Amino acid sequence: MWESLGLKLDHTEEVESEGVTTAHIKVGGYEIELLEPMGKDTPVGKFVDKKGPGIHHLALEVDDIEESLAKAKKNGLEPIGEAPRPGADNTLVAFFHPKDTGGVLLEIVQCE
């Protein structure tokens, strides 16, 4: 999914004590950590079984929303709606459906 937005995977790590595999994605001065349970009997595995995958949504800030939308479309992601729309705090936003992004409603945000 992150490749579709032009992001790069920094590294992955197995954390056996927590029963997860982590994927670390660097974005500017920030890092996103994604968790994958190593089994259904791990804490994260039990959470996923009970709540289902994902969170409500994840927002990522981008420099150029039109360019990011074009890259995402080129890589098979379809936005919800045709064009970016106004968001909070003078931003432009666009969303991608959870069915295309691993169960997470994904928002990209361009700050003015």
PDB file of N, CA and C in Angstrom:
ATOM      1  N   MET A   1       0.819  -1.191   0.000  1.00  0.00           N
ATOM      2  CA  MET A   1       0.000   0.000   0.000  1.00  0.00           C
ATOM      3  C   MET A   1       0.863   1.255   0.000  1.00  0.00           C
ATOM      4  N   TRP A   2       1.901   1.315   0.841  1.00  0.00           N
ATOM      5  CA  TRP A   2       2.692   2.540   0.953  1.00  0.00           C
ATOM      6  C   TRP A   2       3.413   2.871  -0.340  1.00  0.00           C
ATOM      7  N   GLU A   3       3.783   1.852  -1.149  1.00  0.00           N
ATOM      8  CA  GLU A   3       4.445   2.107  -2.421  1.00  0.00           C
ATOM      9  C   GLU A   3       3.545   2.909  -3.354  1.00  0.00           C
ATOM     10  N   SER A   4       2.231   2.677  -3.267  1.00  0.00           N
ATOM     11  CA  SER A   4       1.272   3.379  -4.116  1.00  0.00           C
ATOM     12  C   SER A   4       1.267   4.877  -3.861  1.00  0.00           C
ATOM     13  N   LEU A   5       1.712   5.294  -2.695  1.00  0.00           N
ATOM     14  CA  LEU A   5       1.768   6.713  -2.340  1.00  0.00           C
ATOM     15  C   LEU A   5       3.179   7.282  -2.459  1.00  0.00           C
ATOM     16  N   GLY A   6       4.101   6.488  -3.003  1.00  0.00           N
ATOM     17  CA  GLY A   6       5.469   6.949  -3.161  1.00  0.00           C
ATOM     18  C   GLY A   6       6.295   6.882  -1.892  1.00  0.00           C
ATOM     19  N   LEU A   7       5.835   6.126  -0.884  1.00  0.00           N
ATOM     20  CA  LEU A   7       6.571   5.976   0.373  1.00  0.00           C
ATOM     21  C   LEU A   7       7.460   4.745   0.309  1.00  0.00           C
ATOM     22  N   LYS A   8       8.483   4.719   1.132  1.00  0.00           N
ATOM     23  CA  LYS A   8       9.440   3.612   1.128  1.00  0.00           C
ATOM     24  C   LYS A   8       9.475   2.913   2.486  1.00  0.00           C
ATOM     25  N   LEU A   9       9.509   1.586   2.420  1.00  0.00           N
ATOM     26  CA  LEU A   9       9.675   0.773   3.622  1.00  0.00           C
ATOM     27  C   LEU A   9      11.111   0.917   4.088  1.00  0.00           C
ATOM     28  N   ASP A  10      11.304   1.300   5.346  1.00  0.00           N
ATOM     29  CA  ASP A  10      12.642   1.448   5.905  1.00  0.00           C
ATOM     30  C   ASP A  10      13.190   0.094   6.340  1.00  0.00           C
ATOM     31  N   HIS A  11      12.415  -0.635   7.146  1.00  0.00           N
ATOM     32  CA  HIS A  11      12.833  -1.967   7.571  1.00  0.00           C
ATOM     33  C   HIS A  11      11.671  -2.698   8.226  1.00  0.00           C
ATOM     34  N   THR A  12      11.835  -3.996   8.353  1.00  0.00           N
ATOM     35  CA  THR A  12      10.883  -4.808   9.104  1.00  0.00           C
ATOM     36  C   THR A  12      11.633  -5.468  10.249  1.00  0.00           C
ATOM     37  N   GLU A  13      10.872  -5.880  11.250  1.00  0.00           N
ATOM     38  CA  GLU A  13      11.493  -6.499  12.420  1.00  0.00           C
ATOM     39  C   GLU A  13      10.511  -7.467  13.060  1.00  0.00           C
ATOM     40  N   GLU A  14      10.999  -8.630  13.435  1.00  0.00           N
ATOM     41  CA  GLU A  14      10.185  -9.565  14.204  1.00  0.00           C
ATOM     42  C   GLU A  14      10.441  -9.311  15.682  1.00  0.00           C
ATOM     43  N   VAL A  15       9.374  -9.052  16.415  1.00  0.00           N
ATOM     44  CA  VAL A  15       9.472  -8.819  17.857  1.00  0.00           C
ATOM     45  C   VAL A  15       8.772  -9.999  18.519  1.00  0.00           C
ATOM     46  N   GLU A  16       9.530 -11.065  18.715  1.00  0.00           N
ATOM     47  CA  GLU A  16       8.944 -12.308  19.223  1.00  0.00           C
ATOM     48  C   GLU A  16       8.319 -12.136  20.599  1.00  0.00           C
ATOM     49  N   SER A  17       8.904 -11.279  21.432  1.00  0.00           N
ATOM     50  CA  SER A  17       8.353 -11.088  22.779  1.00  0.00           C
ATOM     51  C   SER A  17       6.942 -10.502  22.744  1.00  0.00           C
ATOM     52  N   GLU A  18       6.615  -9.768  21.687  1.00  0.00           N
ATOM     53  CA  GLU A  18       5.283  -9.186  21.538  1.00  0.00           C
ATOM     54  C   GLU A  18       4.422  -9.970  20.550  1.00  0.00           C
ATOM     55  N   GLY A  19       5.042 -10.911  19.856  1.00  0.00           N
ATOM     56  CA  GLY A  19       4.300 -11.719  18.892  1.00  0.00           C
ATOM     57  C   GLY A  19       3.879 -10.963  17.650  1.00  0.00           C
ATOM     58  N   VAL A  20       4.721 -10.005  17.214  1.00  0.00           N
ATOM     59  CA  VAL A  20       4.389  -9.218  16.028  1.00  0.00           C
ATOM     60  C   VAL A  20       5.583  -9.081  15.096  1.00  0.00           C
ATOM     61  N   THR A  21       5.263  -8.841  13.847  1.00  0.00           N
ATOM     62  CA  THR A  21       6.241  -8.376  12.878  1.00  0.00           C
ATOM     63  C   THR A  21       5.905  -6.919  12.620  1.00  0.00           C
ATOM     64  N   THR A  22       6.914  -6.060  12.693  1.00  0.00           N
ATOM     65  CA  THR A  22       6.683  -4.638  12.470  1.00  0.00           C
ATOM     66  C   THR A  22       7.266  -4.222  11.131  1.00  0.00           C
ATOM     67  N   ALA A  23       6.620  -3.254  10.505  1.00  0.00           N
ATOM     68  CA  ALA A  23       7.130  -2.629   9.285  1.00  0.00           C
ATOM     69  C   ALA A  23       7.252  -1.142   9.585  1.00  0.00           C
ATOM     70  N   HIS A  24       8.424  -0.591   9.323  1.00  0.00           N
ATOM     71  CA  HIS A  24       8.703   0.809   9.642  1.00  0.00           C
ATOM     72  C   HIS A  24       8.820   1.609   8.350  1.00  0.00           C
ATOM     73  N   ILE A  25       8.013   2.658   8.259  1.00  0.00           N
ATOM     74  CA  ILE A  25       7.981   3.506   7.081  1.00  0.00           C
ATOM     75  C   ILE A  25       8.359   4.914   7.513  1.00  0.00           C
ATOM     76  N   LYS A  26       9.406   5.453   6.912  1.00  0.00           N
ATOM     77  CA  LYS A  26       9.845   6.816   7.236  1.00  0.00           C
ATOM     78  C   LYS A  26       9.093   7.796   6.343  1.00  0.00           C
ATOM     79  N   VAL A  27       8.547   8.838   6.975  1.00  0.00           N
ATOM     80  CA  VAL A  27       7.833   9.889   6.259  1.00  0.00           C
ATOM     81  C   VAL A  27       8.316  11.213   6.831  1.00  0.00           C
ATOM     82  N   GLY A  28       9.165  11.907   6.084  1.00  0.00           N
ATOM     83  CA  GLY A  28       9.734  13.148   6.608  1.00  0.00           C
ATOM     84  C   GLY A  28      10.470  12.855   7.896  1.00  0.00           C
ATOM     85  N   GLY A  29      10.179  13.596   8.937  1.00  0.00           N
ATOM     86  CA  GLY A  29      10.797  13.372  10.235  1.00  0.00           C
ATOM     87  C   GLY A  29      10.022  12.407  11.105  1.00  0.00           C
ATOM     88  N   TYR A  30       9.056  11.705  10.531  1.00  0.00           N
ATOM     89  CA  TYR A  30       8.200  10.797  11.292  1.00  0.00           C
ATOM     90  C   TYR A  30       8.399   9.364  10.843  1.00  0.00           C
ATOM     91  N   GLU A  31       7.911   8.473  11.666  1.00  0.00           N
ATOM     92  CA  GLU A  31       7.940   7.059  11.328  1.00  0.00           C
ATOM     93  C   GLU A  31       6.579   6.456  11.637  1.00  0.00           C
ATOM     94  N   ILE A  32       6.124   5.648  10.722  1.00  0.00           N
ATOM     95  CA  ILE A  32       4.892   4.899  10.930  1.00  0.00           C
ATOM     96  C   ILE A  32       5.294   3.458  11.190  1.00  0.00           C
ATOM     97  N   GLU A  33       4.704   2.869  12.209  1.00  0.00           N
ATOM     98  CA  GLU A  33       4.973   1.470  12.520  1.00  0.00           C
ATOM     99  C   GLU A  33       3.682   0.679  12.340  1.00  0.00           C
ATOM    100  N   LEU A  34       3.735  -0.283  11.452  1.00  0.00           N
ATOM    101  CA  LEU A  34       2.602  -1.169  11.221  1.00  0.00           C
ATOM    102  C   LEU A  34       2.878  -2.493  11.909  1.00  0.00           C
ATOM    103  N   LEU A  35       1.845  -3.099  12.479  1.00  0.00           N
ATOM    104  CA  LEU A  35       1.995  -4.358  13.204  1.00  0.00           C
ATOM    105  C   LEU A  35       1.246  -5.480  12.505  1.00  0.00           C
ATOM    106  N   GLU A  36       1.882  -6.631  12.442  1.00  0.00           N
ATOM    107  CA  GLU A  36       1.239  -7.839  11.931  1.00  0.00           C
ATOM    108  C   GLU A  36       1.411  -8.931  12.982  1.00  0.00           C
ATOM    109  N   PRO A  37       0.311  -9.514  13.458  1.00  0.00           N
ATOM    110  CA  PRO A  37       0.448 -10.556  14.482  1.00  0.00           C
ATOM    111  C   PRO A  37       1.128 -11.797  13.917  1.00  0.00           C
ATOM    112  N   MET A  38       1.955 -12.435  14.736  1.00  0.00           N
ATOM    113  CA  MET A  38       2.624 -13.670  14.336  1.00  0.00           C
ATOM    114  C   MET A  38       1.707 -14.877  14.494  1.00  0.00           C
ATOM    115  N   GLY A  39       0.608 -14.702  15.184  1.00  0.00           N
ATOM    116  CA  GLY A  39      -0.356 -15.779  15.376  1.00  0.00           C
ATOM    117  C   GLY A  39      -1.610 -15.253  16.038  1.00  0.00           C
ATOM    118  N   LYS A  40      -2.653 -16.071  16.007  1.00  0.00           N
ATOM    119  CA  LYS A  40      -3.936 -15.656  16.588  1.00  0.00           C
ATOM    120  C   LYS A  40      -3.900 -15.603  18.109  1.00  0.00           C
ATOM    121  N   ASP A  41      -2.928 -16.288  18.732  1.00  0.00           N
ATOM    122  CA  ASP A  41      -2.868 -16.328  20.196  1.00  0.00           C
ATOM    123  C   ASP A  41      -2.015 -15.204  20.793  1.00  0.00           C
ATOM    124  N   THR A  42      -1.527 -14.285  19.968  1.00  0.00           N
ATOM    125  CA  THR A  42      -0.745 -13.145  20.460  1.00  0.00           C
ATOM    126  C   THR A  42      -1.690 -11.992  20.817  1.00  0.00           C
ATOM    127  N   PRO A  43      -1.227 -11.024  21.606  1.00  0.00           N
ATOM    128  CA  PRO A  43      -2.105  -9.896  21.942  1.00  0.00           C
ATOM    129  C   PRO A  43      -2.683  -9.181  20.714  1.00  0.00           C
ATOM    130  N   VAL A  44      -1.843  -8.909  19.730  1.00  0.00           N
ATOM    131  CA  VAL A  44      -2.341  -8.228  18.530  1.00  0.00           C
ATOM    132  C   VAL A  44      -3.244  -9.157  17.727  1.00  0.00           C
ATOM    133  N   GLY A  45      -2.911 -10.436  17.685  1.00  0.00           N
ATOM    134  CA  GLY A  45      -3.766 -11.406  17.002  1.00  0.00           C
ATOM    135  C   GLY A  45      -5.147 -11.481  17.626  1.00  0.00           C
ATOM    136  N   LYS A  46      -5.201 -11.483  18.959  1.00  0.00           N
ATOM    137  CA  LYS A  46      -6.490 -11.511  19.668  1.00  0.00           C
ATOM    138  C   LYS A  46      -7.280 -10.227  19.413  1.00  0.00           C
ATOM    139  N   PHE A  47      -6.584  -9.087  19.394  1.00  0.00           N
ATOM    140  CA  PHE A  47      -7.247  -7.814  19.112  1.00  0.00           C
ATOM    141  C   PHE A  47      -7.870  -7.838  17.718  1.00  0.00           C
ATOM    142  N   VAL A  48      -7.117  -8.302  16.747  1.00  0.00           N
ATOM    143  CA  VAL A  48      -7.620  -8.361  15.372  1.00  0.00           C
ATOM    144  C   VAL A  48      -8.810  -9.302  15.278  1.00  0.00           C
ATOM    145  N   ASP A  49      -8.735 -10.455  15.954  1.00  0.00           N
ATOM    146  CA  ASP A  49      -9.866 -11.391  15.942  1.00  0.00           C
ATOM    147  C   ASP A  49     -11.117 -10.765  16.549  1.00  0.00           C
ATOM    148  N   LYS A  50     -10.938  -9.989  17.612  1.00  0.00           N
ATOM    149  CA  LYS A  50     -12.083  -9.398  18.309  1.00  0.00           C
ATOM    150  C   LYS A  50     -12.621  -8.159  17.597  1.00  0.00           C
ATOM    151  N   LYS A  51     -11.737  -7.261  17.220  1.00  0.00           N
ATOM    152  CA  LYS A  51     -12.138  -5.968  16.656  1.00  0.00           C
ATOM    153  C   LYS A  51     -12.109  -5.938  15.132  1.00  0.00           C
ATOM    154  N   GLY A  52     -11.406  -6.876  14.531  1.00  0.00           N
ATOM    155  CA  GLY A  52     -11.204  -6.820  13.088  1.00  0.00           C
ATOM    156  C   GLY A  52      -9.976  -5.984  12.777  1.00  0.00           C
ATOM    157  N   PRO A  53      -9.514  -6.074  11.547  1.00  0.00           N
ATOM    158  CA  PRO A  53      -8.300  -5.341  11.186  1.00  0.00           C
ATOM    159  C   PRO A  53      -8.540  -3.841  11.096  1.00  0.00           C
ATOM    160  N   GLY A  54      -7.494  -3.091  11.367  1.00  0.00           N
ATOM    161  CA  GLY A  54      -7.518  -1.670  11.100  1.00  0.00           C
ATOM    162  C   GLY A  54      -7.974  -0.784  12.242  1.00  0.00           C
ATOM    163  N   ILE A  55      -7.937   0.483  11.961  1.00  0.00           N
ATOM    164  CA  ILE A  55      -8.394   1.550  12.834  1.00  0.00           C
ATOM    165  C   ILE A  55      -9.392   2.375  12.031  1.00  0.00           C
ATOM    166  N   HIS A  56      -9.946   3.424  12.622  1.00  0.00           N
ATOM    167  CA  HIS A  56     -10.919   4.212  11.848  1.00  0.00           C
ATOM    168  C   HIS A  56     -10.287   4.788  10.593  1.00  0.00           C
ATOM    169  N   HIS A  57      -9.249   5.579  10.744  1.00  0.00           N
ATOM    170  CA  HIS A  57      -8.501   6.023   9.569  1.00  0.00           C
ATOM    171  C   HIS A  57      -7.125   6.516   9.971  1.00  0.00           C
ATOM    172  N   LEU A  58      -6.299   6.600   8.979  1.00  0.00           N
ATOM    173  CA  LEU A  58      -4.941   7.077   9.143  1.00  0.00           C
ATOM    174  C   LEU A  58      -4.764   8.239   8.180  1.00  0.00           C
ATOM    175  N   ALA A  59      -4.230   9.342   8.657  1.00  0.00           N
ATOM    176  CA  ALA A  59      -4.005  10.515   7.810  1.00  0.00           C
ATOM    177  C   ALA A  59      -2.514  10.710   7.580  1.00  0.00           C
ATOM    178  N   LEU A  60      -2.164  10.943   6.334  1.00  0.00           N
ATOM    179  CA  LEU A  60      -0.781  11.211   5.958  1.00  0.00           C
ATOM    180  C   LEU A  60      -0.707  12.568   5.275  1.00  0.00           C
ATOM    181  N   GLU A  61       0.231  13.394   5.683  1.00  0.00           N
ATOM    182  CA  GLU A  61       0.422  14.689   5.038  1.00  0.00           C
ATOM    183  C   GLU A  61       1.284  14.509   3.796  1.00  0.00           C
ATOM    184  N   VAL A  62       0.862  15.117   2.691  1.00  0.00           N
ATOM    185  CA  VAL A  62       1.613  15.074   1.436  1.00  0.00           C
ATOM    186  C   VAL A  62       1.882  16.503   0.978  1.00  0.00           C
ATOM    187  N   ASP A  63       2.945  16.684   0.193  1.00  0.00           N
ATOM    188  CA  ASP A  63       3.273  18.017  -0.321  1.00  0.00           C
ATOM    189  C   ASP A  63       2.351  18.424  -1.463  1.00  0.00           C
ATOM    190  N   ASP A  64       2.016  17.472  -2.334  1.00  0.00           N
ATOM    191  CA  ASP A  64       1.214  17.762  -3.527  1.00  0.00           C
ATOM    192  C   ASP A  64       0.137  16.694  -3.652  1.00  0.00           C
ATOM    193  N   ILE A  65      -1.085  17.033  -3.278  1.00  0.00           N
ATOM    194  CA  ILE A  65      -2.163  16.046  -3.238  1.00  0.00           C
ATOM    195  C   ILE A  65      -2.505  15.526  -4.635  1.00  0.00           C
ATOM    196  N   GLU A  66      -2.440  16.394  -5.640  1.00  0.00           N
ATOM    197  CA  GLU A  66      -2.745  15.953  -7.014  1.00  0.00           C
ATOM    198  C   GLU A  66      -1.715  14.924  -7.483  1.00  0.00           C
ATOM    199  N   GLU A  67      -0.440  15.180  -7.205  1.00  0.00           N
ATOM    200  CA  GLU A  67       0.617  14.242  -7.579  1.00  0.00           C
ATOM    201  C   GLU A  67       0.453  12.918  -6.830  1.00  0.00           C
ATOM    202  N   SER A  68       0.142  12.997  -5.549  1.00  0.00           N
ATOM    203  CA  SER A  68      -0.056  11.783  -4.752  1.00  0.00           C
ATOM    204  C   SER A  68      -1.254  10.985  -5.248  1.00  0.00           C
ATOM    205  N   LEU A  69      -2.342  11.670  -5.606  1.00  0.00           N
ATOM    206  CA  LEU A  69      -3.511  10.983  -6.162  1.00  0.00           C
ATOM    207  C   LEU A  69      -3.155  10.292  -7.472  1.00  0.00           C
ATOM    208  N   ALA A  70      -2.406  10.980  -8.325  1.00  0.00           N
ATOM    209  CA  ALA A  70      -2.007  10.391  -9.607  1.00  0.00           C
ATOM    210  C   ALA A  70      -1.151   9.142  -9.397  1.00  0.00           C
ATOM    211  N   LYS A  71      -0.188   9.204  -8.476  1.00  0.00           N
ATOM    212  CA  LYS A  71       0.654   8.033  -8.175  1.00  0.00           C
ATOM    213  C   LYS A  71      -0.192   6.885  -7.640  1.00  0.00           C
ATOM    214  N   ALA A  72      -1.103   7.202  -6.738  1.00  0.00           N
ATOM    215  CA  ALA A  72      -1.952   6.168  -6.147  1.00  0.00           C
ATOM    216  C   ALA A  72      -2.816   5.502  -7.211  1.00  0.00           C
ATOM    217  N   LYS A  73      -3.440   6.305  -8.080  1.00  0.00           N
ATOM    218  CA  LYS A  73      -4.269   5.753  -9.159  1.00  0.00           C
ATOM    219  C   LYS A  73      -3.434   4.878 -10.087  1.00  0.00           C
ATOM    220  N   LYS A  74      -2.238   5.346 -10.424  1.00  0.00           N
ATOM    221  CA  LYS A  74      -1.336   4.590 -11.303  1.00  0.00           C
ATOM    222  C   LYS A  74      -1.003   3.229 -10.701  1.00  0.00           C
ATOM    223  N   ASN A  75      -0.969   3.167  -9.378  1.00  0.00           N
ATOM    224  CA  ASN A  75      -0.627   1.929  -8.678  1.00  0.00           C
ATOM    225  C   ASN A  75      -1.849   1.147  -8.205  1.00  0.00           C
ATOM    226  N   GLY A  76      -3.024   1.482  -8.746  1.00  0.00           N
ATOM    227  CA  GLY A  76      -4.206   0.671  -8.497  1.00  0.00           C
ATOM    228  C   GLY A  76      -5.111   1.082  -7.355  1.00  0.00           C
ATOM    229  N   LEU A  77      -4.815   2.174  -6.676  1.00  0.00           N
ATOM    230  CA  LEU A  77      -5.699   2.649  -5.610  1.00  0.00           C
ATOM    231  C   LEU A  77      -6.714   3.616  -6.199  1.00  0.00           C
ATOM    232  N   GLU A  78      -7.965   3.447  -5.825  1.00  0.00           N
ATOM    233  CA  GLU A  78      -9.012   4.349  -6.297  1.00  0.00           C
ATOM    234  C   GLU A  78      -9.481   5.236  -5.155  1.00  0.00           C
ATOM    235  N   PRO A  79      -9.449   6.552  -5.368  1.00  0.00           N
ATOM    236  CA  PRO A  79      -9.914   7.453  -4.315  1.00  0.00           C
ATOM    237  C   PRO A  79     -11.430   7.402  -4.171  1.00  0.00           C
ATOM    238  N   ILE A  80     -11.897   7.782  -2.995  1.00  0.00           N
ATOM    239  CA  ILE A  80     -13.331   7.965  -2.769  1.00  0.00           C
ATOM    240  C   ILE A  80     -13.634   9.387  -3.232  1.00  0.00           C
ATOM    241  N   GLY A  81     -14.406   9.532  -4.283  1.00  0.00           N
ATOM    242  CA  GLY A  81     -14.663  10.847  -4.864  1.00  0.00           C
ATOM    243  C   GLY A  81     -13.676  11.131  -5.977  1.00  0.00           C
ATOM    244  N   GLU A  82     -14.024  12.109  -6.786  1.00  0.00           N
ATOM    245  CA  GLU A  82     -13.232  12.405  -7.985  1.00  0.00           C
ATOM    246  C   GLU A  82     -12.031  13.315  -7.750  1.00  0.00           C
ATOM    247  N   ALA A  83     -12.139  14.220  -6.787  1.00  0.00           N
ATOM    248  CA  ALA A  83     -11.092  15.229  -6.611  1.00  0.00           C
ATOM    249  C   ALA A  83     -10.894  15.527  -5.128  1.00  0.00           C
ATOM    250  N   PRO A  84      -9.741  16.117  -4.788  1.00  0.00           N
ATOM    251  CA  PRO A  84      -9.540  16.540  -3.402  1.00  0.00           C
ATOM    252  C   PRO A  84     -10.630  17.520  -2.987  1.00  0.00           C
ATOM    253  N   ARG A  85     -10.938  17.517  -1.699  1.00  0.00           N
ATOM    254  CA  ARG A  85     -11.961  18.433  -1.194  1.00  0.00           C
ATOM    255  C   ARG A  85     -11.423  19.161   0.034  1.00  0.00           C
ATOM    256  N   PRO A  86     -12.060  20.269   0.390  1.00  0.00           N
ATOM    257  CA  PRO A  86     -11.594  21.027   1.552  1.00  0.00           C
ATOM    258  C   PRO A  86     -11.718  20.205   2.833  1.00  0.00           C
ATOM    259  N   GLY A  87     -10.694  20.317   3.669  1.00  0.00           N
ATOM    260  CA  GLY A  87     -10.700  19.665   4.968  1.00  0.00           C
ATOM    261  C   GLY A  87     -10.530  20.700   6.069  1.00  0.00           C
ATOM    262  N   ALA A  88     -10.362  20.237   7.271  1.00  0.00           N
ATOM    263  CA  ALA A  88     -10.176  21.126   8.420  1.00  0.00           C
ATOM    264  C   ALA A  88      -8.879  21.918   8.287  1.00  0.00           C
ATOM    265  N   ASP A  89      -8.830  23.060   8.926  1.00  0.00           N
ATOM    266  CA  ASP A  89      -7.618  23.892   8.999  1.00  0.00           C
ATOM    267  C   ASP A  89      -7.048  24.253   7.634  1.00  0.00           C
ATOM    268  N   ASN A  90      -7.915  24.574   6.684  1.00  0.00           N
ATOM    269  CA  ASN A  90      -7.452  25.045   5.373  1.00  0.00           C
ATOM    270  C   ASN A  90      -6.655  23.998   4.600  1.00  0.00           C
ATOM    271  N   THR A  91      -7.026  22.761   4.700  1.00  0.00           N
ATOM    272  CA  THR A  91      -6.325  21.688   4.007  1.00  0.00           C
ATOM    273  C   THR A  91      -7.154  21.189   2.831  1.00  0.00           C
ATOM    274  N   LEU A  92      -6.497  20.450   1.958  1.00  0.00           N
ATOM    275  CA  LEU A  92      -7.177  19.663   0.937  1.00  0.00           C
ATOM    276  C   LEU A  92      -7.013  18.211   1.333  1.00  0.00           C
ATOM    277  N   VAL A  93      -8.074  17.424   1.192  1.00  0.00           N
ATOM    278  CA  VAL A  93      -8.021  16.024   1.610  1.00  0.00           C
ATOM    279  C   VAL A  93      -8.605  15.125   0.533  1.00  0.00           C
ATOM    280  N   ALA A  94      -8.164  13.889   0.550  1.00  0.00           N
ATOM    281  CA  ALA A  94      -8.727  12.834  -0.290  1.00  0.00           C
ATOM    282  C   ALA A  94      -8.635  11.543   0.507  1.00  0.00           C
ATOM    283  N   PHE A  95      -9.568  10.640   0.236  1.00  0.00           N
ATOM    284  CA  PHE A  95      -9.631   9.374   0.968  1.00  0.00           C
ATOM    285  C   PHE A  95      -9.561   8.195   0.008  1.00  0.00           C
ATOM    286  N   PHE A  96      -9.039   7.078   0.535  1.00  0.00           N
ATOM    287  CA  PHE A  96      -9.023   5.811  -0.185  1.00  0.00           C
ATOM    288  C   PHE A  96      -9.784   4.788   0.641  1.00  0.00           C
ATOM    289  N   HIS A  97     -10.594   3.996  -0.027  1.00  0.00           N
ATOM    290  CA  HIS A  97     -11.471   3.022   0.631  1.00  0.00           C
ATOM    291  C   HIS A  97     -10.653   1.939   1.336  1.00  0.00           C
ATOM    292  N   PRO A  98     -11.100   1.509   2.522  1.00  0.00           N
ATOM    293  CA  PRO A  98     -10.400   0.454   3.256  1.00  0.00           C
ATOM    294  C   PRO A  98     -10.207  -0.839   2.457  1.00  0.00           C
ATOM    295  N   LYS A  99     -11.100  -1.150   1.518  1.00  0.00           N
ATOM    296  CA  LYS A  99     -10.949  -2.392   0.741  1.00  0.00           C
ATOM    297  C   LYS A  99      -9.681  -2.369  -0.110  1.00  0.00           C
ATOM    298  N   ASP A 100      -9.172  -1.187  -0.429  1.00  0.00           N
ATOM    299  CA  ASP A 100      -7.959  -1.063  -1.236  1.00  0.00           C
ATOM    300  C   ASP A 100      -6.702  -0.851  -0.405  1.00  0.00           C
ATOM    301  N   THR A 101      -6.852  -0.612   0.892  1.00  0.00           N
ATOM    302  CA  THR A 101      -5.705  -0.203   1.718  1.00  0.00           C
ATOM    303  C   THR A 101      -5.561  -1.043   2.986  1.00  0.00           C
ATOM    304  N   GLY A 102      -5.796  -2.330   2.875  1.00  0.00           N
ATOM    305  CA  GLY A 102      -5.572  -3.226   4.001  1.00  0.00           C
ATOM    306  C   GLY A 102      -6.526  -3.042   5.159  1.00  0.00           C
ATOM    307  N   GLY A 103      -7.744  -2.564   4.895  1.00  0.00           N
ATOM    308  CA  GLY A 103      -8.741  -2.424   5.946  1.00  0.00           C
ATOM    309  C   GLY A 103      -8.738  -1.097   6.675  1.00  0.00           C
ATOM    310  N   VAL A 104      -7.908  -0.161   6.241  1.00  0.00           N
ATOM    311  CA  VAL A 104      -7.809   1.144   6.894  1.00  0.00           C
ATOM    312  C   VAL A 104      -8.318   2.226   5.944  1.00  0.00           C
ATOM    313  N   LEU A 105      -9.216   3.057   6.427  1.00  0.00           N
ATOM    314  CA  LEU A 105      -9.613   4.231   5.660  1.00  0.00           C
ATOM    315  C   LEU A 105      -8.418   5.179   5.658  1.00  0.00           C
ATOM    316  N   LEU A 106      -7.869   5.458   4.475  1.00  0.00           N
ATOM    317  CA  LEU A 106      -6.655   6.262   4.366  1.00  0.00           C
ATOM    318  C   LEU A 106      -7.001   7.651   3.850  1.00  0.00           C
ATOM    319  N   GLU A 107      -6.496   8.646   4.543  1.00  0.00           N
ATOM    320  CA  GLU A 107      -6.684  10.042   4.149  1.00  0.00           C
ATOM    321  C   GLU A 107      -5.330  10.637   3.819  1.00  0.00           C
ATOM    322  N   ILE A 108      -5.252  11.339   2.687  1.00  0.00           N
ATOM    323  CA  ILE A 108      -4.051  12.130   2.421  1.00  0.00           C
ATOM    324  C   ILE A 108      -4.448  13.596   2.552  1.00  0.00           C
ATOM    325  N   VAL A 109      -3.530  14.379   3.105  1.00  0.00           N
ATOM    326  CA  VAL A 109      -3.818  15.767   3.471  1.00  0.00           C
ATOM    327  C   VAL A 109      -2.718  16.669   2.929  1.00  0.00           C
ATOM    328  N   GLN A 110      -3.129  17.709   2.213  1.00  0.00           N
ATOM    329  CA  GLN A 110      -2.184  18.744   1.787  1.00  0.00           C
ATOM    330  C   GLN A 110      -2.484  19.997   2.585  1.00  0.00           C
ATOM    331  N   CYS A 111      -1.504  20.454   3.356  1.00  0.00           N
ATOM    332  CA  CYS A 111      -1.671  21.682   4.133  1.00  0.00           C
ATOM    333  C   CYS A 111      -1.398  22.878   3.233  1.00  0.00           C
ATOM    334  N   GLU A 112      -2.126  23.953   3.469  1.00  0.00           N
ATOM    335  CA  GLU A 112      -1.954  25.178   2.661  1.00  0.00           C
ATOM    336  C   GLU A 112      -0.812  25.997   3.187  1.00  0.00           C
TER     337      GLU A 112
END
